[in-house]
């Protein structure tokens, strides 16, 4: 989606709405969708000009693959903050996930 922002197919404001406020509206998720007092501090820091190639080897999901493997895009996440804690920074997992979908060891 960030590639679409860079290509002028999607505004940055619409991107933020689709990825933050939109899911909150659709699913009624409490304390999500904005950066404000009383909300979870979950957000992603992006570099809108960074070019990168999406690769299966870099996928952090349980699936381990993406249909976008091999596609080069402009706009890349460089950090993820979950509940106020850095989870991913510059491509490295720095804090293990603690969400409901995370595997329990």
C-alpha atoms as a PDB file:
ATOM      1  CA  UNK A   1       0.000   0.000   0.000  1.00  0.00           C
ATOM      2  CA  UNK A   2       2.907   2.356   0.651  1.00  0.00           C
ATOM      3  CA  UNK A   3       4.007   1.738  -2.938  1.00  0.00           C
ATOM      4  CA  UNK A   4       0.569   2.974  -4.048  1.00  0.00           C
ATOM      5  CA  UNK A   5       1.020   6.090  -1.897  1.00  0.00           C
ATOM      6  CA  UNK A   6       4.327   6.781  -3.672  1.00  0.00           C
ATOM      7  CA  UNK A   7       2.761   6.156  -7.087  1.00  0.00           C
ATOM      8  CA  UNK A   8      -0.009   8.662  -6.333  1.00  0.00           C
ATOM      9  CA  UNK A   9      -2.742   5.985  -6.438  1.00  0.00           C
ATOM     10  CA  UNK A  10      -3.531   6.388  -2.739  1.00  0.00           C
ATOM     11  CA  UNK A  11      -3.198   9.419  -0.480  1.00  0.00           C
ATOM     12  CA  UNK A  12      -1.262   9.122   2.739  1.00  0.00           C
ATOM     13  CA  UNK A  13      -4.366  10.196   4.674  1.00  0.00           C
ATOM     14  CA  UNK A  14      -6.433   7.426   3.048  1.00  0.00           C
ATOM     15  CA  UNK A  15      -3.675   4.883   3.754  1.00  0.00           C
ATOM     16  CA  UNK A  16      -3.725   5.831   7.447  1.00  0.00           C
ATOM     17  CA  UNK A  17      -7.512   5.577   7.495  1.00  0.00           C
ATOM     18  CA  UNK A  18      -7.504   2.154   5.808  1.00  0.00           C
ATOM     19  CA  UNK A  19      -4.867   0.700   8.123  1.00  0.00           C
ATOM     20  CA  UNK A  20      -5.745   2.386  11.435  1.00  0.00           C
ATOM     21  CA  UNK A  21      -9.083   4.086  11.906  1.00  0.00           C
ATOM     22  CA  UNK A  22     -10.887   1.909   9.329  1.00  0.00           C
ATOM     23  CA  UNK A  23     -10.493  -1.442  11.121  1.00  0.00           C
ATOM     24  CA  UNK A  24     -11.511   0.253  14.364  1.00  0.00           C
ATOM     25  CA  UNK A  25     -14.719   1.520  12.694  1.00  0.00           C
ATOM     26  CA  UNK A  26     -15.482  -1.786  10.965  1.00  0.00           C
ATOM     27  CA  UNK A  27     -14.869  -4.114  13.873  1.00  0.00           C
ATOM     28  CA  UNK A  28     -15.443  -1.799  16.840  1.00  0.00           C
ATOM     29  CA  UNK A  29     -12.027  -2.582  18.305  1.00  0.00           C
ATOM     30  CA  UNK A  30     -11.677  -0.700  21.569  1.00  0.00           C
ATOM     31  CA  UNK A  31      -8.599   1.485  22.199  1.00  0.00           C
ATOM     32  CA  UNK A  32      -7.219   1.052  18.647  1.00  0.00           C
ATOM     33  CA  UNK A  33      -6.913   3.175  15.539  1.00  0.00           C
ATOM     34  CA  UNK A  34      -5.393   6.399  16.831  1.00  0.00           C
ATOM     35  CA  UNK A  35      -2.568   7.742  18.925  1.00  0.00           C
ATOM     36  CA  UNK A  36      -4.294   9.264  21.944  1.00  0.00           C
ATOM     37  CA  UNK A  37      -4.533   8.959  25.728  1.00  0.00           C
ATOM     38  CA  UNK A  38      -6.318   5.737  26.671  1.00  0.00           C
ATOM     39  CA  UNK A  39      -5.525   3.977  23.393  1.00  0.00           C
ATOM     40  CA  UNK A  40      -2.983   1.161  22.958  1.00  0.00           C
ATOM     41  CA  UNK A  41       0.314   2.530  21.691  1.00  0.00           C
ATOM     42  CA  UNK A  42       0.440   0.287  18.599  1.00  0.00           C
ATOM     43  CA  UNK A  43       1.876   1.795  15.423  1.00  0.00           C
ATOM     44  CA  UNK A  44       4.368   1.311  12.625  1.00  0.00           C
ATOM     45  CA  UNK A  45       7.101   3.751  11.610  1.00  0.00           C
ATOM     46  CA  UNK A  46       7.637   3.828   7.841  1.00  0.00           C
ATOM     47  CA  UNK A  47      10.219   5.241   5.463  1.00  0.00           C
ATOM     48  CA  UNK A  48       8.164   6.416   2.477  1.00  0.00           C
ATOM     49  CA  UNK A  49      11.212   6.620   0.200  1.00  0.00           C
ATOM     50  CA  UNK A  50      12.959   3.357   1.065  1.00  0.00           C
ATOM     51  CA  UNK A  51      12.997   0.858  -1.823  1.00  0.00           C
ATOM     52  CA  UNK A  52      12.974  -2.810  -0.915  1.00  0.00           C
ATOM     53  CA  UNK A  53      12.138  -6.152  -2.448  1.00  0.00           C
ATOM     54  CA  UNK A  54       9.526  -8.234  -0.678  1.00  0.00           C
ATOM     55  CA  UNK A  55      10.880 -11.741  -0.017  1.00  0.00           C
ATOM     56  CA  UNK A  56       9.394 -14.880   1.460  1.00  0.00           C
ATOM     57  CA  UNK A  57      12.552 -15.262   3.559  1.00  0.00           C
ATOM     58  CA  UNK A  58      11.686 -12.047   5.424  1.00  0.00           C
ATOM     59  CA  UNK A  59       8.060 -12.843   6.223  1.00  0.00           C
ATOM     60  CA  UNK A  60       7.442 -12.940   9.973  1.00  0.00           C
ATOM     61  CA  UNK A  61       4.045 -14.629   9.835  1.00  0.00           C
ATOM     62  CA  UNK A  62       3.331 -18.280  10.539  1.00  0.00           C
ATOM     63  CA  UNK A  63       2.533 -18.806   6.841  1.00  0.00           C
ATOM     64  CA  UNK A  64       6.145 -18.034   5.933  1.00  0.00           C
ATOM     65  CA  UNK A  65       5.300 -16.802   2.432  1.00  0.00           C
ATOM     66  CA  UNK A  66       3.689 -13.882   0.617  1.00  0.00           C
ATOM     67  CA  UNK A  67       2.072 -13.577  -2.808  1.00  0.00           C
ATOM     68  CA  UNK A  68       4.228 -10.448  -3.254  1.00  0.00           C
ATOM     69  CA  UNK A  69       7.538 -12.354  -3.171  1.00  0.00           C
ATOM     70  CA  UNK A  70      10.044 -10.733  -5.533  1.00  0.00           C
ATOM     71  CA  UNK A  71       8.177  -7.437  -5.979  1.00  0.00           C
ATOM     72  CA  UNK A  72      10.194  -4.254  -5.406  1.00  0.00           C
ATOM     73  CA  UNK A  73       8.283  -1.442  -3.690  1.00  0.00           C
ATOM     74  CA  UNK A  74       8.894   2.109  -2.515  1.00  0.00           C
ATOM     75  CA  UNK A  75       7.830   2.662   1.090  1.00  0.00           C
ATOM     76  CA  UNK A  76       8.873   0.252   3.813  1.00  0.00           C
ATOM     77  CA  UNK A  77       8.119  -0.343   7.502  1.00  0.00           C
ATOM     78  CA  UNK A  78      11.195   0.329   9.600  1.00  0.00           C
ATOM     79  CA  UNK A  79       9.754  -0.097  13.082  1.00  0.00           C
ATOM     80  CA  UNK A  80       6.749  -1.492  14.892  1.00  0.00           C
ATOM     81  CA  UNK A  81       5.644  -0.428  18.364  1.00  0.00           C
ATOM     82  CA  UNK A  82       3.142  -2.632  20.245  1.00  0.00           C
ATOM     83  CA  UNK A  83       1.739  -1.481  23.583  1.00  0.00           C
ATOM     84  CA  UNK A  84       4.499   1.108  23.718  1.00  0.00           C
ATOM     85  CA  UNK A  85       7.312  -1.471  23.238  1.00  0.00           C
ATOM     86  CA  UNK A  86       9.544  -1.725  20.153  1.00  0.00           C
ATOM     87  CA  UNK A  87       8.848  -5.113  18.588  1.00  0.00           C
ATOM     88  CA  UNK A  88      10.589  -4.727  15.223  1.00  0.00           C
ATOM     89  CA  UNK A  89      13.231  -2.172  14.339  1.00  0.00           C
ATOM     90  CA  UNK A  90      15.157  -1.937  11.062  1.00  0.00           C
ATOM     91  CA  UNK A  91      14.147  -5.449  10.014  1.00  0.00           C
ATOM     92  CA  UNK A  92      15.037  -7.162  13.287  1.00  0.00           C
ATOM     93  CA  UNK A  93      12.636  -8.547  15.885  1.00  0.00           C
ATOM     94  CA  UNK A  94      13.762  -6.860  19.109  1.00  0.00           C
ATOM     95  CA  UNK A  95      10.949  -7.966  21.473  1.00  0.00           C
ATOM     96  CA  UNK A  96       9.036 -11.237  21.162  1.00  0.00           C
ATOM     97  CA  UNK A  97       5.360 -10.871  20.282  1.00  0.00           C
ATOM     98  CA  UNK A  98       2.794 -11.106  23.075  1.00  0.00           C
ATOM     99  CA  UNK A  99      -0.477 -10.892  21.157  1.00  0.00           C
ATOM    100  CA  UNK A 100      -3.309 -13.387  21.354  1.00  0.00           C
ATOM    101  CA  UNK A 101      -2.237 -15.005  18.074  1.00  0.00           C
ATOM    102  CA  UNK A 102       1.352 -15.585  19.191  1.00  0.00           C
ATOM    103  CA  UNK A 103       2.548 -19.099  19.846  1.00  0.00           C
ATOM    104  CA  UNK A 104       2.987 -19.977  23.491  1.00  0.00           C
ATOM    105  CA  UNK A 105       6.237 -21.716  24.375  1.00  0.00           C
END
